């Protein structure tokens, strides 16, 4: 048992302290899902599609912090940064070369709020519109057997 404790100390010294849910932290720009008010993908940030939804959430959540993906060029973040300055919301650009994520911006708190839907609604509606057109394998088989 003492050998395991020594190995733990060596591992922490070499790689740092293991944080719980590290994969989730890497995906959501250093924060946990339970703390997020809204999350925008890189595409939504670069095309400014989520700008209106982000502004609404910033107005409703004055105590939150805005996190940006450092892999996005600063010219695409100009509108989002001006929104943060307009409503006095602190923001941080997070760059983690080891993490691979499609999240472009996150409005988050330092504590859990457990919001059910953190992704922008317009994206969910377009996904829902595409789904009814798809036919399942079972439906295709029924048509074939008729």
N, C-alpha and C. Protein backbone atom coordinates (compact mmCIF):
# COMPACT_ATOMS: atom_id res chain seq x y z
N UNK A 1 0.82 -1.19 0.00
CA UNK A 1 0.00 0.00 0.00
C UNK A 1 0.86 1.25 0.00
N UNK A 2 1.96 1.25 0.71
CA UNK A 2 2.84 2.41 0.75
C UNK A 2 3.45 2.65 -0.63
N UNK A 3 3.68 1.55 -1.39
CA UNK A 3 4.26 1.68 -2.72
C UNK A 3 3.29 2.42 -3.65
N UNK A 4 2.01 2.14 -3.53
CA UNK A 4 1.00 2.80 -4.36
C UNK A 4 0.95 4.29 -4.05
N UNK A 5 1.05 4.67 -2.80
CA UNK A 5 1.03 6.08 -2.43
C UNK A 5 2.24 6.81 -3.00
N UNK A 6 3.39 6.20 -3.00
CA UNK A 6 4.59 6.81 -3.57
C UNK A 6 4.42 6.99 -5.08
N UNK A 7 3.85 5.98 -5.74
CA UNK A 7 3.60 6.10 -7.18
C UNK A 7 2.60 7.21 -7.48
N UNK A 8 1.62 7.37 -6.62
CA UNK A 8 0.64 8.46 -6.81
C UNK A 8 1.32 9.82 -6.69
N UNK A 9 2.21 9.96 -5.71
CA UNK A 9 2.92 11.22 -5.56
C UNK A 9 3.81 11.50 -6.77
N UNK A 10 4.46 10.48 -7.28
CA UNK A 10 5.31 10.66 -8.46
C UNK A 10 4.49 11.04 -9.68
N UNK A 11 3.36 10.38 -9.86
CA UNK A 11 2.48 10.68 -11.00
C UNK A 11 1.96 12.11 -10.91
N UNK A 12 1.53 12.54 -9.74
CA UNK A 12 1.05 13.91 -9.57
C UNK A 12 2.16 14.91 -9.81
N UNK A 13 3.36 14.58 -9.39
CA UNK A 13 4.50 15.48 -9.60
C UNK A 13 4.85 15.62 -11.07
N UNK A 14 4.72 14.53 -11.83
CA UNK A 14 5.09 14.56 -13.24
C UNK A 14 3.98 15.12 -14.12
N UNK A 15 2.74 14.76 -13.86
CA UNK A 15 1.64 15.12 -14.75
C UNK A 15 0.63 16.09 -14.14
N UNK A 16 0.76 16.43 -12.88
CA UNK A 16 -0.20 17.31 -12.23
C UNK A 16 -1.30 16.50 -11.57
N UNK A 17 -2.09 17.18 -10.79
CA UNK A 17 -3.18 16.54 -10.06
C UNK A 17 -4.30 16.20 -11.04
N UNK A 18 -4.82 14.97 -10.92
CA UNK A 18 -5.93 14.54 -11.78
C UNK A 18 -7.21 15.24 -11.33
N UNK A 19 -7.84 15.91 -12.26
CA UNK A 19 -9.11 16.56 -11.98
C UNK A 19 -10.25 15.63 -12.36
N UNK A 20 -11.34 15.65 -11.61
CA UNK A 20 -12.48 14.82 -12.00
C UNK A 20 -13.08 15.31 -13.32
N UNK A 21 -13.53 14.37 -14.13
CA UNK A 21 -14.17 14.67 -15.41
C UNK A 21 -13.25 15.49 -16.33
N UNK A 22 -12.00 15.08 -16.45
CA UNK A 22 -11.05 15.82 -17.26
C UNK A 22 -11.45 15.87 -18.74
N UNK A 23 -12.03 14.80 -19.27
CA UNK A 23 -12.48 14.80 -20.65
C UNK A 23 -13.56 15.84 -20.89
N UNK A 24 -14.48 15.95 -19.95
CA UNK A 24 -15.54 16.95 -20.04
C UNK A 24 -14.96 18.36 -19.96
N UNK A 25 -13.98 18.55 -19.09
CA UNK A 25 -13.33 19.86 -18.97
C UNK A 25 -12.61 20.23 -20.27
N UNK A 26 -11.96 19.27 -20.89
CA UNK A 26 -11.27 19.54 -22.15
C UNK A 26 -12.26 19.92 -23.25
N UNK A 27 -13.40 19.25 -23.29
CA UNK A 27 -14.39 19.51 -24.33
C UNK A 27 -15.06 20.87 -24.16
N UNK A 28 -15.38 21.26 -22.92
CA UNK A 28 -16.08 22.50 -22.66
C UNK A 28 -15.15 23.63 -22.22
N UNK A 29 -13.96 23.69 -22.78
CA UNK A 29 -13.02 24.80 -22.60
C UNK A 29 -12.63 25.03 -21.14
N UNK A 30 -12.47 23.96 -20.40
CA UNK A 30 -11.98 24.05 -19.04
C UNK A 30 -13.05 24.08 -17.96
N UNK A 31 -14.30 24.02 -18.34
CA UNK A 31 -15.37 24.03 -17.34
C UNK A 31 -16.19 22.75 -17.46
N UNK A 32 -17.09 22.55 -16.52
CA UNK A 32 -17.94 21.37 -16.52
C UNK A 32 -19.29 21.69 -17.13
N UNK A 33 -19.96 20.70 -17.69
CA UNK A 33 -21.25 20.89 -18.35
C UNK A 33 -22.30 21.45 -17.40
N UNK A 34 -22.27 21.03 -16.16
CA UNK A 34 -23.28 21.45 -15.19
C UNK A 34 -23.20 22.94 -14.85
N UNK A 35 -22.12 23.61 -15.24
CA UNK A 35 -21.94 25.04 -14.97
C UNK A 35 -22.31 25.92 -16.16
N UNK A 36 -22.63 25.34 -17.29
CA UNK A 36 -22.78 26.08 -18.54
C UNK A 36 -24.20 26.61 -18.72
N UNK A 37 -24.28 27.87 -19.15
CA UNK A 37 -25.54 28.51 -19.49
C UNK A 37 -25.83 28.24 -20.97
N UNK A 38 -24.86 28.53 -21.85
CA UNK A 38 -25.00 28.28 -23.28
C UNK A 38 -23.63 27.94 -23.86
N UNK A 39 -23.64 27.02 -24.81
CA UNK A 39 -22.42 26.62 -25.51
C UNK A 39 -22.65 26.77 -27.01
N UNK A 40 -21.72 27.42 -27.68
CA UNK A 40 -21.80 27.61 -29.13
C UNK A 40 -20.67 26.85 -29.80
N UNK A 41 -20.95 26.28 -30.95
CA UNK A 41 -19.91 25.56 -31.69
C UNK A 41 -18.99 26.57 -32.37
N UNK A 42 -17.88 26.08 -32.87
CA UNK A 42 -16.94 26.94 -33.59
C UNK A 42 -17.62 27.56 -34.80
N UNK A 43 -18.40 26.77 -35.53
CA UNK A 43 -19.10 27.28 -36.70
C UNK A 43 -20.09 28.39 -36.36
N UNK A 44 -20.80 28.25 -35.26
CA UNK A 44 -21.76 29.27 -34.84
C UNK A 44 -21.06 30.56 -34.45
N UNK A 45 -19.89 30.44 -33.84
CA UNK A 45 -19.14 31.62 -33.44
C UNK A 45 -18.56 32.32 -34.67
N UNK A 46 -17.99 31.56 -35.57
CA UNK A 46 -17.35 32.15 -36.74
C UNK A 46 -18.36 32.79 -37.69
N UNK A 47 -19.56 32.25 -37.78
CA UNK A 47 -20.58 32.80 -38.67
C UNK A 47 -21.52 33.77 -37.95
N UNK A 48 -21.31 33.99 -36.67
CA UNK A 48 -22.15 34.86 -35.84
C UNK A 48 -23.61 34.43 -35.79
N UNK A 49 -23.89 33.15 -36.01
CA UNK A 49 -25.26 32.64 -35.93
C UNK A 49 -25.78 32.64 -34.50
N UNK A 50 -24.91 32.44 -33.54
CA UNK A 50 -25.33 32.36 -32.15
C UNK A 50 -25.24 33.67 -31.40
N UNK A 51 -25.01 34.76 -32.11
CA UNK A 51 -24.81 36.06 -31.47
C UNK A 51 -26.05 36.53 -30.72
N UNK A 52 -27.22 36.38 -31.33
CA UNK A 52 -28.46 36.82 -30.68
C UNK A 52 -28.77 35.98 -29.44
N UNK A 53 -28.61 34.67 -29.55
CA UNK A 53 -28.86 33.79 -28.41
C UNK A 53 -27.87 34.07 -27.29
N UNK A 54 -26.62 34.33 -27.66
CA UNK A 54 -25.60 34.64 -26.66
C UNK A 54 -25.93 35.94 -25.94
N UNK A 55 -26.38 36.94 -26.69
CA UNK A 55 -26.73 38.23 -26.07
C UNK A 55 -27.89 38.06 -25.08
N UNK A 56 -28.90 37.28 -25.45
CA UNK A 56 -30.03 37.04 -24.54
C UNK A 56 -29.56 36.37 -23.25
N UNK A 57 -28.68 35.39 -23.38
CA UNK A 57 -28.20 34.68 -22.18
C UNK A 57 -27.29 35.56 -21.34
N UNK A 58 -26.50 36.43 -21.97
CA UNK A 58 -25.65 37.35 -21.22
C UNK A 58 -26.52 38.32 -20.42
N UNK A 59 -27.59 38.83 -21.03
CA UNK A 59 -28.49 39.75 -20.33
C UNK A 59 -29.15 39.07 -19.13
N UNK A 60 -29.48 37.80 -19.26
CA UNK A 60 -30.16 37.07 -18.18
C UNK A 60 -29.19 36.56 -17.12
N UNK A 61 -27.90 36.47 -17.43
CA UNK A 61 -26.91 35.89 -16.51
C UNK A 61 -25.73 36.83 -16.36
N UNK A 62 -25.92 37.91 -15.62
CA UNK A 62 -24.90 38.96 -15.47
C UNK A 62 -23.65 38.49 -14.72
N UNK A 63 -23.77 37.47 -13.89
CA UNK A 63 -22.63 37.02 -13.10
C UNK A 63 -21.79 35.94 -13.76
N UNK A 64 -22.08 35.62 -15.00
CA UNK A 64 -21.38 34.54 -15.70
C UNK A 64 -20.08 35.05 -16.33
N UNK A 65 -19.28 34.09 -16.79
CA UNK A 65 -18.02 34.37 -17.48
C UNK A 65 -18.09 33.75 -18.86
N UNK A 66 -17.50 34.42 -19.84
CA UNK A 66 -17.51 33.94 -21.22
C UNK A 66 -16.14 33.36 -21.55
N UNK A 67 -16.13 32.13 -22.06
CA UNK A 67 -14.89 31.47 -22.46
C UNK A 67 -14.89 31.29 -23.97
N UNK A 68 -13.78 31.63 -24.62
CA UNK A 68 -13.64 31.47 -26.05
C UNK A 68 -12.57 30.44 -26.36
N UNK A 69 -12.75 29.70 -27.44
CA UNK A 69 -11.76 28.73 -27.90
C UNK A 69 -10.60 29.51 -28.53
N UNK A 70 -9.39 29.26 -28.08
CA UNK A 70 -8.21 29.96 -28.57
C UNK A 70 -7.82 29.58 -29.98
N UNK A 71 -8.41 28.51 -30.51
CA UNK A 71 -8.10 28.10 -31.88
C UNK A 71 -8.85 28.93 -32.92
N UNK A 72 -9.81 29.74 -32.48
CA UNK A 72 -10.55 30.62 -33.38
C UNK A 72 -9.78 31.93 -33.51
N UNK A 73 -9.64 32.40 -34.72
CA UNK A 73 -8.96 33.66 -34.97
C UNK A 73 -9.70 34.81 -34.28
N UNK A 74 -8.95 35.78 -33.78
CA UNK A 74 -9.54 36.87 -33.03
C UNK A 74 -10.47 37.73 -33.88
N UNK A 75 -10.31 37.74 -35.19
CA UNK A 75 -11.19 38.54 -36.03
C UNK A 75 -12.62 37.98 -36.03
N UNK A 76 -12.78 36.68 -35.77
CA UNK A 76 -14.11 36.09 -35.69
C UNK A 76 -14.76 36.31 -34.32
N UNK A 77 -13.97 36.69 -33.34
CA UNK A 77 -14.48 36.88 -31.98
C UNK A 77 -14.80 38.34 -31.67
N UNK A 78 -14.66 39.22 -32.64
CA UNK A 78 -14.83 40.65 -32.42
C UNK A 78 -16.22 40.99 -31.89
N UNK A 79 -17.26 40.45 -32.51
CA UNK A 79 -18.64 40.74 -32.09
C UNK A 79 -18.93 40.19 -30.70
N UNK A 80 -18.46 38.97 -30.43
CA UNK A 80 -18.71 38.35 -29.13
C UNK A 80 -17.99 39.12 -28.01
N UNK A 81 -16.77 39.57 -28.29
CA UNK A 81 -16.03 40.34 -27.29
C UNK A 81 -16.69 41.69 -27.04
N UNK A 82 -17.21 42.31 -28.08
CA UNK A 82 -17.89 43.60 -27.89
C UNK A 82 -19.17 43.41 -27.07
N UNK A 83 -19.86 42.27 -27.26
CA UNK A 83 -21.03 41.96 -26.42
C UNK A 83 -20.63 41.83 -24.96
N UNK A 84 -19.55 41.13 -24.71
CA UNK A 84 -19.07 40.95 -23.33
C UNK A 84 -18.71 42.29 -22.71
N UNK A 85 -18.06 43.14 -23.46
CA UNK A 85 -17.71 44.47 -22.95
C UNK A 85 -18.95 45.33 -22.72
N UNK A 86 -19.91 45.22 -23.60
CA UNK A 86 -21.15 46.00 -23.50
C UNK A 86 -21.90 45.69 -22.20
N UNK A 87 -21.94 44.41 -21.82
CA UNK A 87 -22.66 43.99 -20.62
C UNK A 87 -21.74 43.72 -19.43
N UNK A 88 -20.48 44.14 -19.51
CA UNK A 88 -19.50 43.98 -18.43
C UNK A 88 -19.35 42.54 -17.97
N UNK A 89 -19.28 41.63 -18.93
CA UNK A 89 -19.07 40.21 -18.64
C UNK A 89 -17.58 39.91 -18.86
N UNK A 90 -16.90 39.35 -17.87
CA UNK A 90 -15.50 39.00 -18.09
C UNK A 90 -15.38 37.84 -19.08
N UNK A 91 -14.34 37.89 -19.92
CA UNK A 91 -14.13 36.80 -20.87
C UNK A 91 -12.67 36.38 -20.86
N UNK A 92 -12.46 35.13 -21.26
CA UNK A 92 -11.13 34.54 -21.32
C UNK A 92 -11.01 33.73 -22.59
N UNK A 93 -9.85 33.81 -23.23
CA UNK A 93 -9.57 32.97 -24.39
C UNK A 93 -8.78 31.78 -23.89
N UNK A 94 -9.33 30.58 -24.08
CA UNK A 94 -8.74 29.35 -23.58
C UNK A 94 -8.06 28.62 -24.73
N UNK A 95 -6.76 28.38 -24.59
CA UNK A 95 -6.02 27.65 -25.61
C UNK A 95 -5.47 26.37 -24.98
N UNK A 96 -5.92 25.24 -25.47
CA UNK A 96 -5.43 23.95 -25.01
C UNK A 96 -5.12 23.12 -26.25
N UNK A 97 -3.86 23.03 -26.59
CA UNK A 97 -3.45 22.32 -27.80
C UNK A 97 -3.71 20.82 -27.71
N UNK A 98 -3.76 20.27 -26.50
CA UNK A 98 -3.97 18.84 -26.34
C UNK A 98 -5.43 18.43 -26.49
N UNK A 99 -6.35 19.37 -26.27
CA UNK A 99 -7.78 19.05 -26.32
C UNK A 99 -8.33 19.30 -27.72
N UNK A 100 -9.17 18.37 -28.18
CA UNK A 100 -9.83 18.51 -29.47
C UNK A 100 -11.32 18.70 -29.21
N UNK A 101 -11.83 19.89 -29.54
CA UNK A 101 -13.22 20.21 -29.27
C UNK A 101 -13.82 21.02 -30.41
N UNK A 102 -15.13 20.91 -30.58
CA UNK A 102 -15.82 21.73 -31.58
C UNK A 102 -16.58 22.87 -30.91
N UNK A 103 -16.33 23.10 -29.63
CA UNK A 103 -16.97 24.19 -28.90
C UNK A 103 -16.18 25.48 -29.14
N UNK A 104 -16.89 26.54 -29.51
CA UNK A 104 -16.25 27.81 -29.81
C UNK A 104 -16.37 28.83 -28.70
N UNK A 105 -17.49 28.84 -27.99
CA UNK A 105 -17.70 29.78 -26.90
C UNK A 105 -18.63 29.17 -25.87
N UNK A 106 -18.39 29.51 -24.61
CA UNK A 106 -19.18 28.97 -23.50
C UNK A 106 -19.44 30.10 -22.51
N UNK A 107 -20.70 30.28 -22.13
CA UNK A 107 -21.07 31.19 -21.06
C UNK A 107 -21.27 30.32 -19.82
N UNK A 108 -20.49 30.57 -18.78
CA UNK A 108 -20.45 29.65 -17.65
C UNK A 108 -20.37 30.37 -16.31
N UNK A 109 -20.75 29.66 -15.28
CA UNK A 109 -20.60 30.11 -13.89
C UNK A 109 -19.49 29.32 -13.22
N UNK A 110 -19.14 29.74 -12.00
CA UNK A 110 -18.15 29.02 -11.21
C UNK A 110 -18.78 27.91 -10.38
N UNK A 111 -20.08 27.79 -10.45
CA UNK A 111 -20.81 26.79 -9.68
C UNK A 111 -21.85 26.11 -10.58
N UNK A 112 -22.37 25.01 -10.11
CA UNK A 112 -23.31 24.23 -10.91
C UNK A 112 -24.68 24.90 -10.98
N UNK A 113 -25.25 24.94 -12.20
CA UNK A 113 -26.61 25.44 -12.38
C UNK A 113 -27.50 24.37 -13.00
N UNK A 114 -26.90 23.32 -13.55
CA UNK A 114 -27.60 22.16 -14.12
C UNK A 114 -28.70 22.55 -15.10
N UNK A 115 -28.36 23.34 -16.10
CA UNK A 115 -29.32 23.71 -17.13
C UNK A 115 -29.45 22.56 -18.12
N UNK A 116 -30.67 22.23 -18.49
CA UNK A 116 -30.94 21.08 -19.35
C UNK A 116 -30.40 21.27 -20.77
N UNK A 117 -30.83 22.32 -21.45
CA UNK A 117 -30.42 22.56 -22.83
C UNK A 117 -29.39 23.67 -22.87
N UNK A 118 -28.15 23.31 -23.15
CA UNK A 118 -27.09 24.31 -23.18
C UNK A 118 -26.71 24.71 -24.60
N UNK A 119 -27.18 23.97 -25.59
CA UNK A 119 -26.84 24.29 -26.97
C UNK A 119 -27.91 25.17 -27.58
N UNK A 120 -27.54 25.96 -28.57
CA UNK A 120 -28.45 26.91 -29.19
C UNK A 120 -29.64 26.18 -29.83
N UNK A 121 -30.84 26.71 -29.66
CA UNK A 121 -32.06 26.07 -30.10
C UNK A 121 -32.18 25.97 -31.62
N UNK A 122 -31.67 26.93 -32.37
CA UNK A 122 -31.78 26.90 -33.83
C UNK A 122 -31.13 25.66 -34.40
N UNK A 123 -30.01 25.26 -33.84
CA UNK A 123 -29.33 24.07 -34.32
C UNK A 123 -30.17 22.83 -34.05
N UNK A 124 -30.81 22.79 -32.88
CA UNK A 124 -31.65 21.65 -32.55
C UNK A 124 -32.85 21.57 -33.49
N UNK A 125 -33.41 22.72 -33.89
CA UNK A 125 -34.54 22.72 -34.79
C UNK A 125 -34.16 22.21 -36.18
N UNK A 126 -32.98 22.57 -36.66
CA UNK A 126 -32.56 22.09 -37.98
C UNK A 126 -32.29 20.60 -37.96
N UNK A 127 -31.79 20.09 -36.86
CA UNK A 127 -31.58 18.65 -36.73
C UNK A 127 -32.93 17.95 -36.70
N UNK A 128 -33.90 18.51 -35.99
CA UNK A 128 -35.23 17.90 -35.91
C UNK A 128 -35.92 17.90 -37.28
N UNK A 129 -35.69 18.93 -38.09
CA UNK A 129 -36.30 18.98 -39.42
C UNK A 129 -35.71 17.93 -40.34
N UNK A 130 -34.46 17.61 -40.15
CA UNK A 130 -33.80 16.63 -41.01
C UNK A 130 -34.21 15.20 -40.66
N UNK A 131 -34.50 14.96 -39.40
CA UNK A 131 -34.79 13.60 -38.95
C UNK A 131 -36.05 12.98 -39.56
N UNK A 132 -37.18 13.69 -39.71
CA UNK A 132 -38.36 13.03 -40.26
C UNK A 132 -38.16 12.54 -41.69
N UNK A 133 -37.29 13.15 -42.44
CA UNK A 133 -37.04 12.72 -43.81
C UNK A 133 -36.27 11.41 -43.87
N UNK A 134 -35.58 11.09 -42.81
CA UNK A 134 -34.81 9.86 -42.78
C UNK A 134 -35.74 8.68 -42.51
N UNK A 135 -35.52 7.60 -43.22
CA UNK A 135 -36.28 6.38 -42.94
C UNK A 135 -35.35 5.36 -42.33
N UNK A 136 -35.84 4.67 -41.38
CA UNK A 136 -35.02 3.69 -40.70
C UNK A 136 -34.91 2.41 -41.54
N UNK A 137 -33.99 1.57 -41.15
CA UNK A 137 -33.80 0.30 -41.83
C UNK A 137 -35.06 -0.55 -41.73
N UNK A 138 -35.72 -0.48 -40.59
CA UNK A 138 -36.95 -1.24 -40.36
C UNK A 138 -38.06 -0.79 -41.34
N UNK A 139 -38.20 0.53 -41.54
CA UNK A 139 -39.21 1.04 -42.48
C UNK A 139 -38.90 0.62 -43.91
N UNK A 140 -37.64 0.66 -44.29
CA UNK A 140 -37.25 0.24 -45.63
C UNK A 140 -37.54 -1.24 -45.86
N UNK A 141 -37.31 -2.05 -44.83
CA UNK A 141 -37.56 -3.48 -44.92
C UNK A 141 -39.06 -3.75 -45.05
N UNK A 142 -39.89 -3.00 -44.34
CA UNK A 142 -41.34 -3.16 -44.44
C UNK A 142 -41.82 -2.84 -45.85
N UNK A 143 -41.30 -1.77 -46.45
CA UNK A 143 -41.68 -1.40 -47.81
C UNK A 143 -41.24 -2.45 -48.81
N UNK A 144 -40.10 -3.03 -48.58
CA UNK A 144 -39.57 -4.04 -49.48
C UNK A 144 -40.41 -5.32 -49.44
N UNK A 145 -40.89 -5.70 -48.25
CA UNK A 145 -41.65 -6.93 -48.08
C UNK A 145 -43.12 -6.79 -48.51
N UNK A 146 -43.59 -5.64 -48.73
CA UNK A 146 -44.99 -5.44 -49.13
C UNK A 146 -45.24 -5.81 -50.52
